[in-house]
Amino acid sequence: MSFILYSYPDCASHVVRMVFEELGLTYRDEIVCMHEGAHQSDEYLRLNPRGMVPVVADEEAGAVISETGAILSYLSEKTGKLAPAATNFEAKAVFLKRLFFLSNTLHADAQLQYYTERYVGEDLAETVRPRIQDRMRSHFKMLDGAIEQNGGPWLLGANLSICDFYLGGCARWALIAPRHAPLEPEAVTQLPFLNDLLERLETRDSVQRAFAAEATPRSAYFRSPIRSDWTRKASGLPWRIT
């Protein structure tokens, strides 16, 4: 199996990169230079009319997929890994519930936390940001309880899944990425089951490789800064979509 990952360092495509690495799949990078407007080029908009990353092209199947949750689900179904078996309906129900919460609620609110002014305008942004922070804290508290309820150490219980990588990415964005309103580290570190999940996740070889590929200083969801000086030289990755 061979894939193309259309990505930009330390954003939603990072979650897909971690899963590619965990699954041991062959893929190549097409870095979308978003700061140079490549995401609005005709070439890229044919792949994703929203002009966002990630996008994955499955060269074997001739399929192109966008939306982080959809890509993760596609990869797990194609490989038969990192998700419950289709015939295990009880486990599959929990899996789908968690995956759609991560995609539709946690990831969506993380975007609102980062791009608040895009949604409500500059005048209301300062009023809305604290409310979004409270929502994110509430989401993480609920997920901490879900890990405990399922017996841990992962979100679905004993077995690692695509949901854990997605959760890890969302936690990083909420705690590190926002320009104006990052959450305090205690929003995660004081939640014992979630904190343990993240610490387990960041020690995996696949996660270490994903961080190294994007030249992130070190693999730490709520301790290492996001790079603000991404350049071709710094990342060492091909910048083909221009």
C-alpha atoms as a PDB file:
ATOM      1  CA  MET A   1       0.000   0.000   0.000  1.00  0.00           C
ATOM      2  CA  SER A   2       1.266   3.448  -0.911  1.00  0.00           C
ATOM      3  CA  PHE A   3      -0.171   6.815   0.063  1.00  0.00           C
ATOM      4  CA  ILE A   4       0.440  10.537  -0.333  1.00  0.00           C
ATOM      5  CA  LEU A   5       0.000  12.719   2.749  1.00  0.00           C
ATOM      6  CA  TYR A   6      -0.764  16.365   1.995  1.00  0.00           C
ATOM      7  CA  SER A   7       0.277  18.082   5.174  1.00  0.00           C
ATOM      8  CA  TYR A   8       1.676  21.042   7.038  1.00  0.00           C
ATOM      9  CA  PRO A   9       3.881  20.646  10.120  1.00  0.00           C
ATOM     10  CA  ASP A  10       2.268  20.420  13.565  1.00  0.00           C
ATOM     11  CA  CYS A  11      -1.352  20.725  12.510  1.00  0.00           C
ATOM     12  CA  ALA A  12      -4.158  18.214  11.948  1.00  0.00           C
ATOM     13  CA  SER A  13      -2.107  16.262   9.419  1.00  0.00           C
ATOM     14  CA  HIS A  14       0.271  15.403  12.262  1.00  0.00           C
ATOM     15  CA  VAL A  15      -2.393  13.043  13.646  1.00  0.00           C
ATOM     16  CA  VAL A  16      -2.534  11.206  10.329  1.00  0.00           C
ATOM     17  CA  ARG A  17       1.266  11.039  10.196  1.00  0.00           C
ATOM     18  CA  MET A  18       1.348   9.369  13.623  1.00  0.00           C
ATOM     19  CA  VAL A  19      -1.158   6.765  12.454  1.00  0.00           C
ATOM     20  CA  PHE A  20       0.783   6.133   9.236  1.00  0.00           C
ATOM     21  CA  GLU A  21       3.884   5.548  11.340  1.00  0.00           C
ATOM     22  CA  GLU A  22       2.059   3.312  13.812  1.00  0.00           C
ATOM     23  CA  LEU A  23       0.625   1.199  10.993  1.00  0.00           C
ATOM     24  CA  GLY A  24       3.962   1.006   9.189  1.00  0.00           C
ATOM     25  CA  LEU A  25       2.411   2.228   5.944  1.00  0.00           C
ATOM     26  CA  THR A  26       4.435   3.576   3.048  1.00  0.00           C
ATOM     27  CA  TYR A  27       3.645   7.208   2.343  1.00  0.00           C
ATOM     28  CA  ARG A  28       5.305  10.265   0.927  1.00  0.00           C
ATOM     29  CA  ASP A  29       4.902  13.886   1.909  1.00  0.00           C
ATOM     30  CA  GLU A  30       3.462  16.672  -0.155  1.00  0.00           C
ATOM     31  CA  ILE A  31       3.867  19.688   2.095  1.00  0.00           C
ATOM     32  CA  VAL A  32       1.249  22.364   1.450  1.00  0.00           C
ATOM     33  CA  CYS A  33       2.894  25.757   1.953  1.00  0.00           C
ATOM     34  CA  MET A  34      -0.075  27.382   3.646  1.00  0.00           C
ATOM     35  CA  HIS A  35       1.790  30.570   4.514  1.00  0.00           C
ATOM     36  CA  GLU A  36       2.438  31.033   0.776  1.00  0.00           C
ATOM     37  CA  GLY A  37      -1.170  30.379  -0.229  1.00  0.00           C
ATOM     38  CA  ALA A  38      -0.605  26.947  -1.769  1.00  0.00           C
ATOM     39  CA  HIS A  39      -3.743  25.676  -0.024  1.00  0.00           C
ATOM     40  CA  GLN A  40      -5.765  27.995  -2.281  1.00  0.00           C
ATOM     41  CA  SER A  41      -4.103  26.930  -5.518  1.00  0.00           C
ATOM     42  CA  ASP A  42      -6.269  25.336  -8.210  1.00  0.00           C
ATOM     43  CA  GLU A  43      -4.137  22.210  -7.911  1.00  0.00           C
ATOM     44  CA  TYR A  44      -4.849  21.776  -4.229  1.00  0.00           C
ATOM     45  CA  LEU A  45      -8.485  22.866  -4.307  1.00  0.00           C
ATOM     46  CA  ARG A  46      -9.158  20.008  -6.709  1.00  0.00           C
ATOM     47  CA  LEU A  47      -8.119  17.700  -3.883  1.00  0.00           C
ATOM     48  CA  ASN A  48      -9.919  19.548  -1.098  1.00  0.00           C
ATOM     49  CA  PRO A  49     -12.246  22.420  -2.004  1.00  0.00           C
ATOM     50  CA  ARG A  50     -11.969  23.683   1.592  1.00  0.00           C
ATOM     51  CA  GLY A  51      -8.256  24.276   1.094  1.00  0.00           C
ATOM     52  CA  MET A  52      -7.278  22.565   4.345  1.00  0.00           C
ATOM     53  CA  VAL A  53      -4.965  19.766   5.455  1.00  0.00           C
ATOM     54  CA  PRO A  54      -4.818  16.854   5.825  1.00  0.00           C
ATOM     55  CA  VAL A  55      -5.647  15.151   2.572  1.00  0.00           C
ATOM     56  CA  VAL A  56      -4.597  11.569   1.828  1.00  0.00           C
ATOM     57  CA  ALA A  57      -4.389   9.987  -1.599  1.00  0.00           C
ATOM     58  CA  ASP A  58      -4.547   6.198  -1.671  1.00  0.00           C
ATOM     59  CA  GLU A  59      -2.567   5.436  -4.809  1.00  0.00           C
ATOM     60  CA  GLU A  60      -3.553   1.781  -4.806  1.00  0.00           C
ATOM     61  CA  ALA A  61      -7.297   2.477  -4.710  1.00  0.00           C
ATOM     62  CA  GLY A  62      -7.264   5.780  -6.590  1.00  0.00           C
ATOM     63  CA  ALA A  63      -9.109   7.385  -3.670  1.00  0.00           C
ATOM     64  CA  VAL A  64      -8.636  10.874  -2.200  1.00  0.00           C
ATOM     65  CA  ILE A  65      -9.847  11.511   1.345  1.00  0.00           C
ATOM     66  CA  SER A  66     -10.044  14.683   3.428  1.00  0.00           C
ATOM     67  CA  GLU A  67     -11.252  15.361   7.008  1.00  0.00           C
ATOM     68  CA  THR A  68      -9.060  13.997   9.787  1.00  0.00           C
ATOM     69  CA  GLY A  69     -11.615  11.614  11.287  1.00  0.00           C
ATOM     70  CA  ALA A  70     -12.573  10.224   7.885  1.00  0.00           C
ATOM     71  CA  ILE A  71      -8.927   9.615   6.966  1.00  0.00           C
ATOM     72  CA  LEU A  72      -8.228   7.822  10.232  1.00  0.00           C
ATOM     73  CA  SER A  73     -11.318   5.653   9.829  1.00  0.00           C
ATOM     74  CA  TYR A  74     -10.341   4.821   6.234  1.00  0.00           C
ATOM     75  CA  LEU A  75      -6.850   3.753   7.267  1.00  0.00           C
ATOM     76  CA  SER A  76      -8.088   1.597  10.123  1.00  0.00           C
ATOM     77  CA  GLU A  77     -10.663  -0.120   7.922  1.00  0.00           C
ATOM     78  CA  LYS A  78      -8.207  -0.703   5.096  1.00  0.00           C
ATOM     79  CA  THR A  79      -5.601  -2.272   7.377  1.00  0.00           C
ATOM     80  CA  GLY A  80      -7.923  -3.901   9.903  1.00  0.00           C
ATOM     81  CA  LYS A  81      -5.932  -2.306  12.729  1.00  0.00           C
ATOM     82  CA  LEU A  82      -6.357   0.366  15.424  1.00  0.00           C
ATOM     83  CA  ALA A  83     -10.140  -0.141  15.595  1.00  0.00           C
ATOM     84  CA  PRO A  84     -12.504  -2.844  16.868  1.00  0.00           C
ATOM     85  CA  ALA A  85     -13.534  -5.576  14.468  1.00  0.00           C
ATOM     86  CA  ALA A  86     -16.604  -4.747  12.405  1.00  0.00           C
ATOM     87  CA  THR A  87     -18.424  -7.740  13.891  1.00  0.00           C
ATOM     88  CA  ASN A  88     -17.819  -6.628  17.484  1.00  0.00           C
ATOM     89  CA  PHE A  89     -20.839  -4.351  17.590  1.00  0.00           C
ATOM     90  CA  GLU A  90     -20.572  -3.397  21.263  1.00  0.00           C
ATOM     91  CA  ALA A  91     -16.962  -2.270  20.929  1.00  0.00           C
ATOM     92  CA  LYS A  92     -17.651  -0.680  17.538  1.00  0.00           C
ATOM     93  CA  ALA A  93     -20.443   1.416  19.042  1.00  0.00           C
ATOM     94  CA  VAL A  94     -18.085   2.826  21.675  1.00  0.00           C
ATOM     95  CA  PHE A  95     -15.397   3.402  19.058  1.00  0.00           C
ATOM     96  CA  LEU A  96     -17.712   5.352  16.746  1.00  0.00           C
ATOM     97  CA  LYS A  97     -19.084   7.394  19.629  1.00  0.00           C
ATOM     98  CA  ARG A  98     -15.610   8.430  20.707  1.00  0.00           C
ATOM     99  CA  LEU A  99     -14.318   9.046  17.175  1.00  0.00           C
ATOM    100  CA  PHE A 100     -17.221  11.301  16.262  1.00  0.00           C
ATOM    101  CA  PHE A 101     -16.928  13.197  19.546  1.00  0.00           C
ATOM    102  CA  LEU A 102     -13.262  13.831  18.846  1.00  0.00           C
ATOM    103  CA  SER A 103     -14.010  14.973  15.298  1.00  0.00           C
ATOM    104  CA  ASN A 104     -17.249  16.890  15.729  1.00  0.00           C
ATOM    105  CA  THR A 105     -16.791  18.357  19.206  1.00  0.00           C
ATOM    106  CA  LEU A 106     -13.230  18.337  20.549  1.00  0.00           C
ATOM    107  CA  HIS A 107     -11.457  19.115  17.273  1.00  0.00           C
ATOM    108  CA  ALA A 108     -14.116  21.647  16.287  1.00  0.00           C
ATOM    109  CA  ASP A 109     -13.798  23.488  19.598  1.00  0.00           C
ATOM    110  CA  ALA A 110     -10.000  23.373  19.378  1.00  0.00           C
ATOM    111  CA  GLN A 111     -10.292  25.178  16.028  1.00  0.00           C
ATOM    112  CA  LEU A 112     -12.620  27.731  17.606  1.00  0.00           C
ATOM    113  CA  GLN A 113     -10.158  28.177  20.451  1.00  0.00           C
ATOM    114  CA  TYR A 114      -7.374  28.928  17.959  1.00  0.00           C
ATOM    115  CA  TYR A 115      -9.299  30.893  15.337  1.00  0.00           C
ATOM    116  CA  THR A 116     -11.833  32.616  17.602  1.00  0.00           C
ATOM    117  CA  GLU A 117     -11.817  35.891  15.708  1.00  0.00           C
ATOM    118  CA  ARG A 118     -12.596  34.104  12.434  1.00  0.00           C
ATOM    119  CA  TYR A 119     -15.838  32.785  13.908  1.00  0.00           C
ATOM    120  CA  VAL A 120     -17.095  35.732  15.980  1.00  0.00           C
ATOM    121  CA  GLY A 121     -15.012  38.729  14.877  1.00  0.00           C
ATOM    122  CA  GLU A 122     -12.377  40.649  16.787  1.00  0.00           C
ATOM    123  CA  ASP A 123     -14.919  42.546  18.914  1.00  0.00           C
ATOM    124  CA  LEU A 124     -16.362  39.401  20.495  1.00  0.00           C
ATOM    125  CA  ALA A 125     -13.264  37.218  20.508  1.00  0.00           C
ATOM    126  CA  GLU A 126     -12.093  38.178  24.001  1.00  0.00           C
ATOM    127  CA  THR A 127     -15.545  37.449  25.402  1.00  0.00           C
ATOM    128  CA  VAL A 128     -15.875  34.097  23.680  1.00  0.00           C
ATOM    129  CA  ARG A 129     -12.391  32.710  24.370  1.00  0.00           C
ATOM    130  CA  PRO A 130     -12.910  32.032  28.111  1.00  0.00           C
ATOM    131  CA  ARG A 131     -16.106  30.154  27.305  1.00  0.00           C
ATOM    132  CA  ILE A 132     -14.315  28.007  24.757  1.00  0.00           C
ATOM    133  CA  GLN A 133     -11.570  27.327  27.297  1.00  0.00           C
ATOM    134  CA  ASP A 134     -14.238  26.127  29.743  1.00  0.00           C
ATOM    135  CA  ARG A 135     -15.694  23.872  27.067  1.00  0.00           C
ATOM    136  CA  MET A 136     -12.282  22.355  26.346  1.00  0.00           C
ATOM    137  CA  ARG A 137     -11.660  21.723  30.051  1.00  0.00           C
ATOM    138  CA  SER A 138     -15.056  20.044  30.261  1.00  0.00           C
ATOM    139  CA  HIS A 139     -14.294  17.867  27.224  1.00  0.00           C
ATOM    140  CA  PHE A 140     -10.996  16.701  28.686  1.00  0.00           C
ATOM    141  CA  LYS A 141     -12.616  15.953  32.043  1.00  0.00           C
ATOM    142  CA  MET A 142     -15.274  13.856  30.320  1.00  0.00           C
ATOM    143  CA  LEU A 143     -12.635  11.962  28.339  1.00  0.00           C
ATOM    144  CA  ASP A 144     -10.628  11.343  31.499  1.00  0.00           C
ATOM    145  CA  GLY A 145     -13.730   9.742  32.975  1.00  0.00           C
ATOM    146  CA  ALA A 146     -14.254   7.672  29.835  1.00  0.00           C
ATOM    147  CA  ILE A 147     -10.717   6.279  30.030  1.00  0.00           C
ATOM    148  CA  GLU A 148     -11.302   5.343  33.667  1.00  0.00           C
ATOM    149  CA  GLN A 149     -14.682   3.778  32.879  1.00  0.00           C
ATOM    150  CA  ASN A 150     -13.194   1.642  30.098  1.00  0.00           C
ATOM    151  CA  GLY A 151     -10.377   0.460  32.345  1.00  0.00           C
ATOM    152  CA  GLY A 152      -7.614   2.266  30.421  1.00  0.00           C
ATOM    153  CA  PRO A 153      -4.894   2.785  29.622  1.00  0.00           C
ATOM    154  CA  TRP A 154      -6.326   3.893  26.250  1.00  0.00           C
ATOM    155  CA  LEU A 155      -9.531   5.708  25.405  1.00  0.00           C
ATOM    156  CA  LEU A 156     -11.315   2.504  24.364  1.00  0.00           C
ATOM    157  CA  GLY A 157      -9.735   0.376  27.083  1.00  0.00           C
ATOM    158  CA  ALA A 158      -6.876  -2.078  26.711  1.00  0.00           C
ATOM    159  CA  ASN A 159      -6.351  -1.639  22.968  1.00  0.00           C
ATOM    160  CA  LEU A 160      -4.693   1.316  21.265  1.00  0.00           C
ATOM    161  CA  SER A 161      -6.839   2.884  18.525  1.00  0.00           C
ATOM    162  CA  ILE A 162      -6.893   5.769  16.088  1.00  0.00           C
ATOM    163  CA  CYS A 163      -8.897   7.637  18.735  1.00  0.00           C
ATOM    164  CA  ASP A 164      -5.842   7.879  20.984  1.00  0.00           C
ATOM    165  CA  PHE A 165      -3.760   9.584  18.305  1.00  0.00           C
ATOM    166  CA  TYR A 166      -6.608  11.975  17.525  1.00  0.00           C
ATOM    167  CA  LEU A 167      -7.019  12.793  21.208  1.00  0.00           C
ATOM    168  CA  GLY A 168      -3.288  13.387  21.527  1.00  0.00           C
ATOM    169  CA  GLY A 169      -3.317  15.871  18.673  1.00  0.00           C
ATOM    170  CA  CYS A 170      -6.299  17.773  20.069  1.00  0.00           C
ATOM    171  CA  ALA A 171      -4.685  17.957  23.509  1.00  0.00           C
ATOM    172  CA  ARG A 172      -1.515  19.394  22.026  1.00  0.00           C
ATOM    173  CA  TRP A 173      -3.405  22.049  20.060  1.00  0.00           C
ATOM    174  CA  ALA A 174      -5.452  23.121  23.069  1.00  0.00           C
ATOM    175  CA  LEU A 175      -2.443  23.421  25.361  1.00  0.00           C
ATOM    176  CA  ILE A 176       0.254  24.672  23.004  1.00  0.00           C
ATOM    177  CA  ALA A 177      -1.175  26.053  19.787  1.00  0.00           C
ATOM    178  CA  PRO A 178      -3.613  28.880  20.608  1.00  0.00           C
ATOM    179  CA  ARG A 179      -2.099  32.286  20.055  1.00  0.00           C
ATOM    180  CA  HIS A 180      -4.296  34.043  22.607  1.00  0.00           C
ATOM    181  CA  ALA A 181      -5.871  31.494  24.926  1.00  0.00           C
ATOM    182  CA  PRO A 182      -3.916  28.265  25.481  1.00  0.00           C
ATOM    183  CA  LEU A 183      -5.155  26.107  28.300  1.00  0.00           C
ATOM    184  CA  GLU A 184      -3.042  25.792  31.404  1.00  0.00           C
ATOM    185  CA  PRO A 185      -1.089  22.494  31.566  1.00  0.00           C
ATOM    186  CA  GLU A 186      -3.089  21.542  34.656  1.00  0.00           C
ATOM    187  CA  ALA A 187      -6.147  21.157  32.427  1.00  0.00           C
ATOM    188  CA  VAL A 188      -4.569  17.827  31.468  1.00  0.00           C
ATOM    189  CA  THR A 189      -1.917  17.035  34.073  1.00  0.00           C
ATOM    190  CA  GLN A 190      -4.481  17.018  36.887  1.00  0.00           C
ATOM    191  CA  LEU A 191      -6.605  14.463  35.034  1.00  0.00           C
ATOM    192  CA  PRO A 192      -4.751  11.247  35.919  1.00  0.00           C
ATOM    193  CA  PHE A 193      -6.121   8.906  33.259  1.00  0.00           C
ATOM    194  CA  LEU A 194      -5.833  11.372  30.389  1.00  0.00           C
ATOM    195  CA  ASN A 195      -2.373  12.445  31.527  1.00  0.00           C
ATOM    196  CA  ASP A 196      -1.251   8.817  31.667  1.00  0.00           C
ATOM    197  CA  LEU A 197      -2.624   8.179  28.170  1.00  0.00           C
ATOM    198  CA  LEU A 198      -0.694  11.118  26.720  1.00  0.00           C
ATOM    199  CA  GLU A 199       2.522  10.118  28.466  1.00  0.00           C
ATOM    200  CA  ARG A 200       2.176   6.571  27.136  1.00  0.00           C
ATOM    201  CA  LEU A 201       1.401   7.826  23.655  1.00  0.00           C
ATOM    202  CA  GLU A 202       4.337  10.186  23.354  1.00  0.00           C
ATOM    203  CA  THR A 203       6.850   7.437  24.161  1.00  0.00           C
ATOM    204  CA  ARG A 204       5.748   5.253  21.239  1.00  0.00           C
ATOM    205  CA  ASP A 205       8.279   4.934  18.432  1.00  0.00           C
ATOM    206  CA  SER A 206       5.650   5.914  15.878  1.00  0.00           C
ATOM    207  CA  VAL A 207       4.948   9.186  17.668  1.00  0.00           C
ATOM    208  CA  GLN A 208       8.643   9.908  18.079  1.00  0.00           C
ATOM    209  CA  ARG A 209       9.145   9.384  14.345  1.00  0.00           C
ATOM    210  CA  ALA A 210       6.220  11.658  13.498  1.00  0.00           C
ATOM    211  CA  PHE A 211       7.550  14.475  15.651  1.00  0.00           C
ATOM    212  CA  ALA A 212      11.049  14.039  14.257  1.00  0.00           C
ATOM    213  CA  ALA A 213       9.760  14.141  10.683  1.00  0.00           C
ATOM    214  CA  GLU A 214       8.293  17.580  11.324  1.00  0.00           C
ATOM    215  CA  ALA A 215      11.358  18.844  13.223  1.00  0.00           C
ATOM    216  CA  THR A 216       9.337  19.460  16.367  1.00  0.00           C
ATOM    217  CA  PRO A 217      11.803  20.092  19.222  1.00  0.00           C
ATOM    218  CA  ARG A 218      10.731  17.028  21.200  1.00  0.00           C
ATOM    219  CA  SER A 219       7.791  14.720  21.564  1.00  0.00           C
ATOM    220  CA  ALA A 220       5.783  16.291  24.367  1.00  0.00           C
ATOM    221  CA  TYR A 221       2.120  17.133  23.997  1.00  0.00           C
ATOM    222  CA  PHE A 222       2.025  19.886  26.568  1.00  0.00           C
ATOM    223  CA  ARG A 223       5.657  20.839  27.062  1.00  0.00           C
ATOM    224  CA  SER A 224       7.310  21.490  23.700  1.00  0.00           C
ATOM    225  CA  PRO A 225       6.566  24.672  21.753  1.00  0.00           C
ATOM    226  CA  ILE A 226       5.120  24.791  18.292  1.00  0.00           C
ATOM    227  CA  ARG A 227       7.647  26.040  15.801  1.00  0.00           C
ATOM    228  CA  SER A 228       6.856  29.423  14.342  1.00  0.00           C
ATOM    229  CA  ASP A 229       9.722  29.474  11.831  1.00  0.00           C
ATOM    230  CA  TRP A 230       8.909  26.574   9.524  1.00  0.00           C
ATOM    231  CA  THR A 231      11.154  26.740   6.491  1.00  0.00           C
ATOM    232  CA  ARG A 232      12.245  24.266   3.865  1.00  0.00           C
ATOM    233  CA  LYS A 233      15.689  24.094   5.432  1.00  0.00           C
ATOM    234  CA  ALA A 234      14.380  23.614   8.987  1.00  0.00           C
ATOM    235  CA  SER A 235      11.900  20.865   8.252  1.00  0.00           C
ATOM    236  CA  GLY A 236      13.931  18.956   5.701  1.00  0.00           C
ATOM    237  CA  LEU A 237      10.701  18.018   3.901  1.00  0.00           C
ATOM    238  CA  PRO A 238       9.821  18.535   0.219  1.00  0.00           C
ATOM    239  CA  TRP A 239       7.697  21.609  -0.510  1.00  0.00           C
ATOM    240  CA  ARG A 240       6.021  20.586  -3.746  1.00  0.00           C
ATOM    241  CA  ILE A 241       2.603  22.212  -3.625  1.00  0.00           C
ATOM    242  CA  THR A 242       3.388  25.812  -4.556  1.00  0.00           C
END
